[in-house]
Amino acid sequence: MEQSNNVSRVYCYIGMKAYLQRLNPNSGDVWFYSIQIQRDLMGRWQVIREWGRSGSPGTVRHMPYDAYYDAQESMETLIEELSQRGYQVVHSEGPNPKDAAYYNEEHPDDRDS
């Protein structure tokens, strides 16, 4: 939160999430892939990926990025690659970061130019 001219301004970003599934028609197994973008306590953006077979614990990986747009680009590329491997997006949420309420002026990579 920042104070300027006795007005408080809260910088907020709306996270992005996507949930994909792939069905193996021979075995009936359903594979999932969950991807989301979140900011960590150090101010870096994390692309958090979890994948595995439905009904079993998944594997989790975190990929850090300095700028939101880099994290978003990584997420979009990953979704494209997964789609080429037969995964389908069954749920997604979160608008383009330019639709967020405020942009953090301390991080030039995160604001609209």
PDB file of N, CA and C in Angstrom:
ATOM      1  N   MET A   1       0.852  -1.162   0.000  1.00  0.00           N
ATOM      2  CA  MET A   1       0.000   0.000   0.000  1.00  0.00           C
ATOM      3  C   MET A   1       0.900   1.227   0.000  1.00  0.00           C
ATOM      4  N   GLU A   2       0.551   2.240  -0.775  1.00  0.00           N
ATOM      5  CA  GLU A   2       1.360   3.446  -0.878  1.00  0.00           C
ATOM      6  C   GLU A   2       0.540   4.642  -0.429  1.00  0.00           C
ATOM      7  N   GLN A   3       1.185   5.582   0.277  1.00  0.00           N
ATOM      8  CA  GLN A   3       0.527   6.814   0.711  1.00  0.00           C
ATOM      9  C   GLN A   3       1.054   7.965  -0.136  1.00  0.00           C
ATOM     10  N   SER A   4       0.185   8.714  -0.763  1.00  0.00           N
ATOM     11  CA  SER A   4       0.582   9.929  -1.472  1.00  0.00           C
ATOM     12  C   SER A   4      -0.583  10.901  -1.422  1.00  0.00           C
ATOM     13  N   ASN A   5      -0.293  12.139  -1.023  1.00  0.00           N
ATOM     14  CA  ASN A   5      -1.341  13.157  -0.893  1.00  0.00           C
ATOM     15  C   ASN A   5      -2.490  12.672  -0.014  1.00  0.00           C
ATOM     16  N   ASN A   6      -2.150  11.981   1.057  1.00  0.00           N
ATOM     17  CA  ASN A   6      -3.130  11.466   2.014  1.00  0.00           C
ATOM     18  C   ASN A   6      -4.154  10.515   1.391  1.00  0.00           C
ATOM     19  N   VAL A   7      -3.783   9.903   0.275  1.00  0.00           N
ATOM     20  CA  VAL A   7      -4.664   8.935  -0.368  1.00  0.00           C
ATOM     21  C   VAL A   7      -3.928   7.606  -0.416  1.00  0.00           C
ATOM     22  N   SER A   8      -4.585   6.558   0.020  1.00  0.00           N
ATOM     23  CA  SER A   8      -3.986   5.228  -0.031  1.00  0.00           C
ATOM     24  C   SER A   8      -4.281   4.598  -1.381  1.00  0.00           C
ATOM     25  N   ARG A   9      -3.266   3.951  -1.935  1.00  0.00           N
ATOM     26  CA  ARG A   9      -3.458   3.247  -3.196  1.00  0.00           C
ATOM     27  C   ARG A   9      -2.961   1.819  -3.009  1.00  0.00           C
ATOM     28  N   VAL A  10      -3.795   0.860  -3.294  1.00  0.00           N
ATOM     29  CA  VAL A  10      -3.418  -0.542  -3.190  1.00  0.00           C
ATOM     30  C   VAL A  10      -3.162  -1.038  -4.597  1.00  0.00           C
ATOM     31  N   TYR A  11      -1.982  -1.601  -4.794  1.00  0.00           N
ATOM     32  CA  TYR A  11      -1.659  -2.177  -6.087  1.00  0.00           C
ATOM     33  C   TYR A  11      -2.124  -3.616  -6.100  1.00  0.00           C
ATOM     34  N   CYS A  12      -2.907  -3.952  -7.095  1.00  0.00           N
ATOM     35  CA  CYS A  12      -3.383  -5.332  -7.142  1.00  0.00           C
ATOM     36  C   CYS A  12      -3.284  -5.876  -8.559  1.00  0.00           C
ATOM     37  N   TYR A  13      -2.983  -7.122  -8.649  1.00  0.00           N
ATOM     38  CA  TYR A  13      -2.953  -7.839  -9.910  1.00  0.00           C
ATOM     39  C   TYR A  13      -3.934  -8.982  -9.791  1.00  0.00           C
ATOM     40  N   ILE A  14      -4.574  -9.271 -10.857  1.00  0.00           N
ATOM     41  CA  ILE A  14      -5.514 -10.374 -10.868  1.00  0.00           C
ATOM     42  C   ILE A  14      -4.763 -11.573 -11.440  1.00  0.00           C
ATOM     43  N   GLY A  15      -4.669 -12.632 -10.662  1.00  0.00           N
ATOM     44  CA  GLY A  15      -3.932 -13.805 -11.098  1.00  0.00           C
ATOM     45  C   GLY A  15      -4.636 -14.521 -12.234  1.00  0.00           C
ATOM     46  N   MET A  16      -3.860 -15.299 -12.945  1.00  0.00           N
ATOM     47  CA  MET A  16      -4.402 -16.100 -14.033  1.00  0.00           C
ATOM     48  C   MET A  16      -4.317 -17.559 -13.642  1.00  0.00           C
ATOM     49  N   LYS A  17      -5.316 -18.329 -14.053  1.00  0.00           N
ATOM     50  CA  LYS A  17      -5.357 -19.759 -13.786  1.00  0.00           C
ATOM     51  C   LYS A  17      -5.879 -20.480 -15.016  1.00  0.00           C
ATOM     52  N   ALA A  18      -5.407 -21.697 -15.207  1.00  0.00           N
ATOM     53  CA  ALA A  18      -5.938 -22.545 -16.275  1.00  0.00           C
ATOM     54  C   ALA A  18      -5.882 -23.995 -15.803  1.00  0.00           C
ATOM     55  N   TYR A  19      -6.903 -24.745 -16.139  1.00  0.00           N
ATOM     56  CA  TYR A  19      -6.959 -26.167 -15.806  1.00  0.00           C
ATOM     57  C   TYR A  19      -7.221 -26.920 -17.103  1.00  0.00           C
ATOM     58  N   LEU A  20      -6.325 -27.845 -17.426  1.00  0.00           N
ATOM     59  CA  LEU A  20      -6.425 -28.612 -18.665  1.00  0.00           C
ATOM     60  C   LEU A  20      -6.550 -30.090 -18.348  1.00  0.00           C
ATOM     61  N   GLN A  21      -7.190 -30.841 -19.254  1.00  0.00           N
ATOM     62  CA  GLN A  21      -7.320 -32.290 -19.097  1.00  0.00           C
ATOM     63  C   GLN A  21      -7.067 -32.982 -20.429  1.00  0.00           C
ATOM     64  N   ARG A  22      -6.600 -34.222 -20.308  1.00  0.00           N
ATOM     65  CA  ARG A  22      -6.421 -35.078 -21.479  1.00  0.00           C
ATOM     66  C   ARG A  22      -6.945 -36.455 -21.124  1.00  0.00           C
ATOM     67  N   LEU A  23      -7.748 -37.018 -21.979  1.00  0.00           N
ATOM     68  CA  LEU A  23      -8.342 -38.339 -21.740  1.00  0.00           C
ATOM     69  C   LEU A  23      -7.641 -39.365 -22.621  1.00  0.00           C
ATOM     70  N   ASN A  24      -7.211 -40.462 -22.021  1.00  0.00           N
ATOM     71  CA  ASN A  24      -6.664 -41.583 -22.777  1.00  0.00           C
ATOM     72  C   ASN A  24      -7.835 -42.499 -23.111  1.00  0.00           C
ATOM     73  N   PRO A  25      -8.256 -42.540 -24.382  1.00  0.00           N
ATOM     74  CA  PRO A  25      -9.449 -43.315 -24.735  1.00  0.00           C
ATOM     75  C   PRO A  25      -9.269 -44.820 -24.530  1.00  0.00           C
ATOM     76  N   ASN A  26      -8.041 -45.327 -24.597  1.00  0.00           N
ATOM     77  CA  ASN A  26      -7.812 -46.770 -24.435  1.00  0.00           C
ATOM     78  C   ASN A  26      -7.960 -47.212 -22.985  1.00  0.00           C
ATOM     79  N   SER A  27      -7.369 -46.450 -22.056  1.00  0.00           N
ATOM     80  CA  SER A  27      -7.392 -46.858 -20.646  1.00  0.00           C
ATOM     81  C   SER A  27      -8.455 -46.128 -19.831  1.00  0.00           C
ATOM     82  N   GLY A  28      -8.950 -45.010 -20.353  1.00  0.00           N
ATOM     83  CA  GLY A  28      -9.921 -44.208 -19.616  1.00  0.00           C
ATOM     84  C   GLY A  28      -9.276 -43.282 -18.600  1.00  0.00           C
ATOM     85  N   ASP A  29      -7.933 -43.285 -18.536  1.00  0.00           N
ATOM     86  CA  ASP A  29      -7.229 -42.394 -17.603  1.00  0.00           C
ATOM     87  C   ASP A  29      -7.415 -40.931 -18.001  1.00  0.00           C
ATOM     88  N   VAL A  30      -7.583 -40.101 -16.991  1.00  0.00           N
ATOM     89  CA  VAL A  30      -7.687 -38.660 -17.212  1.00  0.00           C
ATOM     90  C   VAL A  30      -6.450 -38.009 -16.598  1.00  0.00           C
ATOM     91  N   TRP A  31      -5.704 -37.301 -17.414  1.00  0.00           N
ATOM     92  CA  TRP A  31      -4.516 -36.573 -16.970  1.00  0.00           C
ATOM     93  C   TRP A  31      -4.874 -35.106 -16.852  1.00  0.00           C
ATOM     94  N   PHE A  32      -4.350 -34.438 -15.828  1.00  0.00           N
ATOM     95  CA  PHE A  32      -4.656 -33.016 -15.621  1.00  0.00           C
ATOM     96  C   PHE A  32      -3.377 -32.197 -15.627  1.00  0.00           C
ATOM     97  N   TYR A  33      -3.542 -30.929 -15.886  1.00  0.00           N
ATOM     98  CA  TYR A  33      -2.440 -29.962 -15.837  1.00  0.00           C
ATOM     99  C   TYR A  33      -3.044 -28.651 -15.351  1.00  0.00           C
ATOM    100  N   SER A  34      -2.574 -28.167 -14.220  1.00  0.00           N
ATOM    101  CA  SER A  34      -3.059 -26.914 -13.637  1.00  0.00           C
ATOM    102  C   SER A  34      -1.923 -25.898 -13.685  1.00  0.00           C
ATOM    103  N   ILE A  35      -2.227 -24.690 -14.139  1.00  0.00           N
ATOM    104  CA  ILE A  35      -1.221 -23.629 -14.241  1.00  0.00           C
ATOM    105  C   ILE A  35      -1.813 -22.365 -13.633  1.00  0.00           C
ATOM    106  N   GLN A  36      -1.016 -21.661 -12.825  1.00  0.00           N
ATOM    107  CA  GLN A  36      -1.479 -20.379 -12.290  1.00  0.00           C
ATOM    108  C   GLN A  36      -0.304 -19.438 -12.092  1.00  0.00           C
ATOM    109  N   ILE A  37      -0.610 -18.160 -12.079  1.00  0.00           N
ATOM    110  CA  ILE A  37       0.392 -17.126 -11.835  1.00  0.00           C
ATOM    111  C   ILE A  37       0.057 -16.462 -10.510  1.00  0.00           C
ATOM    112  N   GLN A  38       1.064 -16.376  -9.634  1.00  0.00           N
ATOM    113  CA  GLN A  38       0.900 -15.712  -8.339  1.00  0.00           C
ATOM    114  C   GLN A  38       2.163 -14.943  -8.026  1.00  0.00           C
ATOM    115  N   ARG A  39       2.025 -13.923  -7.218  1.00  0.00           N
ATOM    116  CA  ARG A  39       3.178 -13.162  -6.753  1.00  0.00           C
ATOM    117  C   ARG A  39       3.637 -13.751  -5.426  1.00  0.00           C
ATOM    118  N   ASP A  40       4.959 -13.932  -5.266  1.00  0.00           N
ATOM    119  CA  ASP A  40       5.469 -14.479  -4.010  1.00  0.00           C
ATOM    120  C   ASP A  40       5.779 -13.352  -3.023  1.00  0.00           C
ATOM    121  N   LEU A  41       6.233 -13.714  -1.831  1.00  0.00           N
ATOM    122  CA  LEU A  41       6.499 -12.727  -0.784  1.00  0.00           C
ATOM    123  C   LEU A  41       7.662 -11.802  -1.112  1.00  0.00           C
ATOM    124  N   MET A  42       8.518 -12.198  -2.039  1.00  0.00           N
ATOM    125  CA  MET A  42       9.664 -11.379  -2.429  1.00  0.00           C
ATOM    126  C   MET A  42       9.331 -10.451  -3.598  1.00  0.00           C
ATOM    127  N   GLY A  43       8.097 -10.489  -4.076  1.00  0.00           N
ATOM    128  CA  GLY A  43       7.675  -9.605  -5.147  1.00  0.00           C
ATOM    129  C   GLY A  43       7.880 -10.162  -6.543  1.00  0.00           C
ATOM    130  N   ARG A  44       8.373 -11.383  -6.661  1.00  0.00           N
ATOM    131  CA  ARG A  44       8.553 -11.997  -7.977  1.00  0.00           C
ATOM    132  C   ARG A  44       7.287 -12.752  -8.359  1.00  0.00           C
ATOM    133  N   TRP A  45       7.091 -12.906  -9.638  1.00  0.00           N
ATOM    134  CA  TRP A  45       5.945 -13.649 -10.147  1.00  0.00           C
ATOM    135  C   TRP A  45       6.322 -15.110 -10.291  1.00  0.00           C
ATOM    136  N   GLN A  46       5.411 -16.001  -9.942  1.00  0.00           N
ATOM    137  CA  GLN A  46       5.628 -17.439 -10.023  1.00  0.00           C
ATOM    138  C   GLN A  46       4.584 -18.060 -10.952  1.00  0.00           C
ATOM    139  N   VAL A  47       5.052 -18.856 -11.911  1.00  0.00           N
ATOM    140  CA  VAL A  47       4.152 -19.710 -12.673  1.00  0.00           C
ATOM    141  C   VAL A  47       4.194 -21.047 -11.950  1.00  0.00           C
ATOM    142  N   ILE A  48       3.062 -21.433 -11.389  1.00  0.00           N
ATOM    143  CA  ILE A  48       2.968 -22.664 -10.604  1.00  0.00           C
ATOM    144  C   ILE A  48       2.260 -23.706 -11.459  1.00  0.00           C
ATOM    145  N   ARG A  49       2.961 -24.811 -11.714  1.00  0.00           N
ATOM    146  CA  ARG A  49       2.418 -25.881 -12.550  1.00  0.00           C
ATOM    147  C   ARG A  49       2.227 -27.128 -11.699  1.00  0.00           C
ATOM    148  N   GLU A  50       1.097 -27.789 -11.883  1.00  0.00           N
ATOM    149  CA  GLU A  50       0.853 -29.078 -11.239  1.00  0.00           C
ATOM    150  C   GLU A  50       0.248 -30.000 -12.275  1.00  0.00           C
ATOM    151  N   TRP A  51       0.760 -31.231 -12.346  1.00  0.00           N
ATOM    152  CA  TRP A  51       0.245 -32.165 -13.322  1.00  0.00           C
ATOM    153  C   TRP A  51       0.307 -33.586 -12.780  1.00  0.00           C
ATOM    154  N   GLY A  52      -0.519 -34.443 -13.384  1.00  0.00           N
ATOM    155  CA  GLY A  52      -0.540 -35.848 -12.986  1.00  0.00           C
ATOM    156  C   GLY A  52      -1.805 -36.532 -13.465  1.00  0.00           C
ATOM    157  N   ARG A  53      -2.026 -37.735 -12.970  1.00  0.00           N
ATOM    158  CA  ARG A  53      -3.233 -38.483 -13.313  1.00  0.00           C
ATOM    159  C   ARG A  53      -4.309 -38.150 -12.297  1.00  0.00           C
ATOM    160  N   SER A  54      -5.519 -37.946 -12.755  1.00  0.00           N
ATOM    161  CA  SER A  54      -6.636 -37.617 -11.860  1.00  0.00           C
ATOM    162  C   SER A  54      -6.775 -38.687 -10.790  1.00  0.00           C
ATOM    163  N   GLY A  55      -6.944 -38.238  -9.539  1.00  0.00           N
ATOM    164  CA  GLY A  55      -7.107 -39.149  -8.426  1.00  0.00           C
ATOM    165  C   GLY A  55      -5.803 -39.498  -7.729  1.00  0.00           C
ATOM    166  N   SER A  56      -4.695 -39.002  -8.251  1.00  0.00           N
ATOM    167  CA  SER A  56      -3.402 -39.257  -7.602  1.00  0.00           C
ATOM    168  C   SER A  56      -2.698 -37.920  -7.371  1.00  0.00           C
ATOM    169  N   PRO A  57      -1.741 -37.894  -6.427  1.00  0.00           N
ATOM    170  CA  PRO A  57      -1.041 -36.630  -6.182  1.00  0.00           C
ATOM    171  C   PRO A  57      -0.261 -36.199  -7.426  1.00  0.00           C
ATOM    172  N   GLY A  58      -0.256 -34.927  -7.666  1.00  0.00           N
ATOM    173  CA  GLY A  58       0.435 -34.414  -8.834  1.00  0.00           C
ATOM    174  C   GLY A  58       1.849 -33.945  -8.515  1.00  0.00           C
ATOM    175  N   THR A  59       2.595 -33.665  -9.553  1.00  0.00           N
ATOM    176  CA  THR A  59       3.920 -33.077  -9.438  1.00  0.00           C
ATOM    177  C   THR A  59       3.762 -31.567  -9.514  1.00  0.00           C
ATOM    178  N   VAL A  60       4.488 -30.830  -8.670  1.00  0.00           N
ATOM    179  CA  VAL A  60       4.371 -29.371  -8.630  1.00  0.00           C
ATOM    180  C   VAL A  60       5.730 -28.753  -8.941  1.00  0.00           C
ATOM    181  N   ARG A  61       5.730 -27.731  -9.792  1.00  0.00           N
ATOM    182  CA  ARG A  61       6.946 -26.988 -10.119  1.00  0.00           C
ATOM    183  C   ARG A  61       6.616 -25.493 -10.109  1.00  0.00           C
ATOM    184  N   HIS A  62       7.584 -24.697  -9.640  1.00  0.00           N
ATOM    185  CA  HIS A  62       7.464 -23.233  -9.623  1.00  0.00           C
ATOM    186  C   HIS A  62       8.525 -22.654 -10.551  1.00  0.00           C
ATOM    187  N   MET A  63       8.120 -21.713 -11.387  1.00  0.00           N
ATOM    188  CA  MET A  63       9.063 -21.020 -12.267  1.00  0.00           C
ATOM    189  C   MET A  63       8.968 -19.527 -11.954  1.00  0.00           C
ATOM    190  N   PRO A  64      10.056 -18.917 -11.438  1.00  0.00           N
ATOM    191  CA  PRO A  64      10.010 -17.496 -11.068  1.00  0.00           C
ATOM    192  C   PRO A  64      10.283 -16.566 -12.250  1.00  0.00           C
ATOM    193  N   TYR A  65       9.619 -15.400 -12.224  1.00  0.00           N
ATOM    194  CA  TYR A  65       9.816 -14.359 -13.240  1.00  0.00           C
ATOM    195  C   TYR A  65       9.819 -13.008 -12.552  1.00  0.00           C
ATOM    196  N   ASP A  66      10.604 -12.079 -13.069  1.00  0.00           N
ATOM    197  CA  ASP A  66      10.654 -10.728 -12.513  1.00  0.00           C
ATOM    198  C   ASP A  66       9.450  -9.899 -12.949  1.00  0.00           C
ATOM    199  N   ALA A  67       8.950 -10.127 -14.154  1.00  0.00           N
ATOM    200  CA  ALA A  67       7.848  -9.326 -14.694  1.00  0.00           C
ATOM    201  C   ALA A  67       6.610 -10.199 -14.927  1.00  0.00           C
ATOM    202  N   TYR A  68       5.457  -9.627 -14.663  1.00  0.00           N
ATOM    203  CA  TYR A  68       4.192 -10.334 -14.857  1.00  0.00           C
ATOM    204  C   TYR A  68       4.042 -10.783 -16.304  1.00  0.00           C
ATOM    205  N   TYR A  69       4.423  -9.910 -17.232  1.00  0.00           N
ATOM    206  CA  TYR A  69       4.234 -10.222 -18.650  1.00  0.00           C
ATOM    207  C   TYR A  69       5.065 -11.425 -19.073  1.00  0.00           C
ATOM    208  N   ASP A  70       6.259 -11.591 -18.493  1.00  0.00           N
ATOM    209  CA  ASP A  70       7.080 -12.767 -18.792  1.00  0.00           C
ATOM    210  C   ASP A  70       6.402 -14.035 -18.276  1.00  0.00           C
ATOM    211  N   ALA A  71       5.829 -13.965 -17.089  1.00  0.00           N
ATOM    212  CA  ALA A  71       5.106 -15.108 -16.518  1.00  0.00           C
ATOM    213  C   ALA A  71       3.885 -15.438 -17.375  1.00  0.00           C
ATOM    214  N   GLN A  72       3.178 -14.405 -17.813  1.00  0.00           N
ATOM    215  CA  GLN A  72       1.993 -14.621 -18.634  1.00  0.00           C
ATOM    216  C   GLN A  72       2.381 -15.253 -19.978  1.00  0.00           C
ATOM    217  N   GLU A  73       3.452 -14.772 -20.577  1.00  0.00           N
ATOM    218  CA  GLU A  73       3.911 -15.323 -21.850  1.00  0.00           C
ATOM    219  C   GLU A  73       4.300 -16.794 -21.687  1.00  0.00           C
ATOM    220  N   SER A  74       4.981 -17.119 -20.591  1.00  0.00           N
ATOM    221  CA  SER A  74       5.362 -18.504 -20.311  1.00  0.00           C
ATOM    222  C   SER A  74       4.121 -19.385 -20.163  1.00  0.00           C
ATOM    223  N   MET A  75       3.123 -18.880 -19.449  1.00  0.00           N
ATOM    224  CA  MET A  75       1.888 -19.637 -19.242  1.00  0.00           C
ATOM    225  C   MET A  75       1.173 -19.875 -20.571  1.00  0.00           C
ATOM    226  N   GLU A  76       1.080 -18.843 -21.396  1.00  0.00           N
ATOM    227  CA  GLU A  76       0.400 -18.979 -22.688  1.00  0.00           C
ATOM    228  C   GLU A  76       1.126 -19.966 -23.601  1.00  0.00           C
ATOM    229  N   THR A  77       2.464 -19.916 -23.594  1.00  0.00           N
ATOM    230  CA  THR A  77       3.259 -20.849 -24.397  1.00  0.00           C
ATOM    231  C   THR A  77       3.043 -22.279 -23.923  1.00  0.00           C
ATOM    232  N   LEU A  78       3.021 -22.463 -22.611  1.00  0.00           N
ATOM    233  CA  LEU A  78       2.800 -23.791 -22.041  1.00  0.00           C
ATOM    234  C   LEU A  78       1.426 -24.333 -22.416  1.00  0.00           C
ATOM    235  N   ILE A  79       0.409 -23.496 -22.374  1.00  0.00           N
ATOM    236  CA  ILE A  79      -0.945 -23.925 -22.758  1.00  0.00           C
ATOM    237  C   ILE A  79      -0.976 -24.341 -24.222  1.00  0.00           C
ATOM    238  N   GLU A  80      -0.289 -23.589 -25.090  1.00  0.00           N
ATOM    239  CA  GLU A  80      -0.229 -23.951 -26.516  1.00  0.00           C
ATOM    240  C   GLU A  80       0.450 -25.305 -26.708  1.00  0.00           C
ATOM    241  N   GLU A  81       1.580 -25.513 -26.007  1.00  0.00           N
ATOM    242  CA  GLU A  81       2.297 -26.789 -26.117  1.00  0.00           C
ATOM    243  C   GLU A  81       1.446 -27.949 -25.627  1.00  0.00           C
ATOM    244  N   LEU A  82       0.747 -27.756 -24.517  1.00  0.00           N
ATOM    245  CA  LEU A  82      -0.110 -28.811 -23.977  1.00  0.00           C
ATOM    246  C   LEU A  82      -1.275 -29.113 -24.918  1.00  0.00           C
ATOM    247  N   SER A  83      -1.822 -28.073 -25.543  1.00  0.00           N
ATOM    248  CA  SER A  83      -2.921 -28.263 -26.498  1.00  0.00           C
ATOM    249  C   SER A  83      -2.466 -29.114 -27.680  1.00  0.00           C
ATOM    250  N   GLN A  84      -1.234 -28.917 -28.109  1.00  0.00           N
ATOM    251  CA  GLN A  84      -0.689 -29.717 -29.208  1.00  0.00           C
ATOM    252  C   GLN A  84      -0.493 -31.172 -28.798  1.00  0.00           C
ATOM    253  N   ARG A  85      -0.387 -31.430 -27.484  1.00  0.00           N
ATOM    254  CA  ARG A  85      -0.228 -32.792 -26.971  1.00  0.00           C
ATOM    255  C   ARG A  85      -1.562 -33.425 -26.580  1.00  0.00           C
ATOM    256  N   GLY A  86      -2.680 -32.761 -26.920  1.00  0.00           N
ATOM    257  CA  GLY A  86      -3.998 -33.356 -26.690  1.00  0.00           C
ATOM    258  C   GLY A  86      -4.735 -32.870 -25.464  1.00  0.00           C
ATOM    259  N   TYR A  87      -4.158 -31.943 -24.709  1.00  0.00           N
ATOM    260  CA  TYR A  87      -4.854 -31.391 -23.545  1.00  0.00           C
ATOM    261  C   TYR A  87      -5.866 -30.357 -24.004  1.00  0.00           C
ATOM    262  N   GLN A  88      -6.978 -30.269 -23.278  1.00  0.00           N
ATOM    263  CA  GLN A  88      -8.004 -29.269 -23.559  1.00  0.00           C
ATOM    264  C   GLN A  88      -8.222 -28.427 -22.313  1.00  0.00           C
ATOM    265  N   VAL A  89      -8.363 -27.115 -22.516  1.00  0.00           N
ATOM    266  CA  VAL A  89      -8.647 -26.214 -21.399  1.00  0.00           C
ATOM    267  C   VAL A  89     -10.092 -26.440 -20.987  1.00  0.00           C
ATOM    268  N   VAL A  90     -10.293 -26.832 -19.728  1.00  0.00           N
ATOM    269  CA  VAL A  90     -11.651 -27.051 -19.229  1.00  0.00           C
ATOM    270  C   VAL A  90     -12.092 -25.925 -18.298  1.00  0.00           C
ATOM    271  N   HIS A  91     -11.121 -25.137 -17.807  1.00  0.00           N
ATOM    272  CA  HIS A  91     -11.454 -23.987 -16.965  1.00  0.00           C
ATOM    273  C   HIS A  91     -10.299 -23.005 -17.003  1.00  0.00           C
ATOM    274  N   SER A  92     -10.622 -21.723 -17.094  1.00  0.00           N
ATOM    275  CA  SER A  92      -9.588 -20.694 -16.985  1.00  0.00           C
ATOM    276  C   SER A  92     -10.226 -19.450 -16.385  1.00  0.00           C
ATOM    277  N   GLU A  93      -9.389 -18.641 -15.734  1.00  0.00           N
ATOM    278  CA  GLU A  93      -9.879 -17.391 -15.166  1.00  0.00           C
ATOM    279  C   GLU A  93      -8.748 -16.389 -15.108  1.00  0.00           C
ATOM    280  N   GLY A  94      -9.134 -15.133 -15.063  1.00  0.00           N
ATOM    281  CA  GLY A  94      -8.156 -14.058 -14.968  1.00  0.00           C
ATOM    282  C   GLY A  94      -8.017 -13.344 -16.293  1.00  0.00           C
ATOM    283  N   PRO A  95      -8.232 -12.053 -16.267  1.00  0.00           N
ATOM    284  CA  PRO A  95      -8.128 -11.269 -17.487  1.00  0.00           C
ATOM    285  C   PRO A  95      -6.679 -10.934 -17.814  1.00  0.00           C
ATOM    286  N   ASN A  96      -6.525 -10.229 -18.886  1.00  0.00           N
ATOM    287  CA  ASN A  96      -5.234  -9.678 -19.266  1.00  0.00           C
ATOM    288  C   ASN A  96      -4.765  -8.764 -18.140  1.00  0.00           C
ATOM    289  N   PRO A  97      -3.463  -8.748 -17.812  1.00  0.00           N
ATOM    290  CA  PRO A  97      -2.999  -7.915 -16.697  1.00  0.00           C
ATOM    291  C   PRO A  97      -3.270  -6.431 -16.893  1.00  0.00           C
ATOM    292  N   LYS A  98      -3.472  -5.981 -18.115  1.00  0.00           N
ATOM    293  CA  LYS A  98      -3.784  -4.568 -18.348  1.00  0.00           C
ATOM    294  C   LYS A  98      -5.148  -4.195 -17.774  1.00  0.00           C
ATOM    295  N   ASP A  99      -5.965  -5.214 -17.461  1.00  0.00           N
ATOM    296  CA  ASP A  99      -7.268  -4.965 -16.871  1.00  0.00           C
ATOM    297  C   ASP A  99      -7.218  -4.893 -15.353  1.00  0.00           C
ATOM    298  N   ALA A 100      -6.040  -5.079 -14.760  1.00  0.00           N
ATOM    299  CA  ALA A 100      -5.916  -5.007 -13.304  1.00  0.00           C
ATOM    300  C   ALA A 100      -6.215  -3.591 -12.843  1.00  0.00           C
ATOM    301  N   ALA A 101      -6.619  -3.466 -11.596  1.00  0.00           N
ATOM    302  CA  ALA A 101      -7.063  -2.179 -11.066  1.00  0.00           C
ATOM    303  C   ALA A 101      -5.949  -1.140 -11.045  1.00  0.00           C
ATOM    304  N   TYR A 102      -4.747  -1.511 -10.635  1.00  0.00           N
ATOM    305  CA  TYR A 102      -3.630  -0.581 -10.549  1.00  0.00           C
ATOM    306  C   TYR A 102      -2.362  -1.294 -10.981  1.00  0.00           C
ATOM    307  N   TYR A 103      -1.369  -0.508 -11.368  1.00  0.00           N
ATOM    308  CA  TYR A 103      -0.070  -1.057 -11.718  1.00  0.00           C
ATOM    309  C   TYR A 103       0.973  -0.501 -10.780  1.00  0.00           C
ATOM    310  N   ASN A 104       1.892  -1.317 -10.376  1.00  0.00           N
ATOM    311  CA  ASN A 104       2.908  -0.938  -9.417  1.00  0.00           C
ATOM    312  C   ASN A 104       3.957  -0.078 -10.113  1.00  0.00           C
ATOM    313  N   GLU A 105       4.019   1.180  -9.757  1.00  0.00           N
ATOM    314  CA  GLU A 105       4.930   2.106 -10.407  1.00  0.00           C
ATOM    315  C   GLU A 105       6.387   1.802 -10.088  1.00  0.00           C
ATOM    316  N   GLU A 106       6.655   1.038  -9.047  1.00  0.00           N
ATOM    317  CA  GLU A 106       8.029   0.675  -8.712  1.00  0.00           C
ATOM    318  C   GLU A 106       8.574  -0.402  -9.642  1.00  0.00           C
ATOM    319  N   HIS A 107       7.710  -1.094 -10.360  1.00  0.00           N
ATOM    320  CA  HIS A 107       8.114  -2.148 -11.256  1.00  0.00           C
ATOM    321  C   HIS A 107       7.726  -1.777 -12.679  1.00  0.00           C
ATOM    322  N   PRO A 108       8.636  -1.121 -13.440  1.00  0.00           N
ATOM    323  CA  PRO A 108       8.280  -0.655 -14.778  1.00  0.00           C
ATOM    324  C   PRO A 108       7.841  -1.766 -15.721  1.00  0.00           C
ATOM    325  N   ASP A 109       8.311  -2.997 -15.521  1.00  0.00           N
ATOM    326  CA  ASP A 109       7.900  -4.088 -16.397  1.00  0.00           C
ATOM    327  C   ASP A 109       6.447  -4.463 -16.184  1.00  0.00           C
ATOM    328  N   ASP A 110       5.871  -4.024 -15.077  1.00  0.00           N
ATOM    329  CA  ASP A 110       4.511  -4.421 -14.723  1.00  0.00           C
ATOM    330  C   ASP A 110       3.461  -3.378 -15.091  1.00  0.00           C
ATOM    331  N   ARG A 111       3.865  -2.281 -15.638  1.00  0.00           N
ATOM    332  CA  ARG A 111       2.858  -1.252 -15.932  1.00  0.00           C
ATOM    333  C   ARG A 111       2.660  -1.105 -17.435  1.00  0.00           C
ATOM    334  N   ASP A 112       1.556  -0.535 -17.764  1.00  0.00           N
ATOM    335  CA  ASP A 112       1.188  -0.293 -19.149  1.00  0.00           C
ATOM    336  C   ASP A 112       2.095   0.807 -19.707  1.00  0.00           C
ATOM    337  N   SER A 113       2.704   0.576 -20.845  1.00  0.00           N
ATOM    338  CA  SER A 113       3.609   1.606 -21.402  1.00  0.00           C
ATOM    339  C   SER A 113       2.919   2.503 -22.388  1.00  0.00           C
TER     340      SER A 113
END
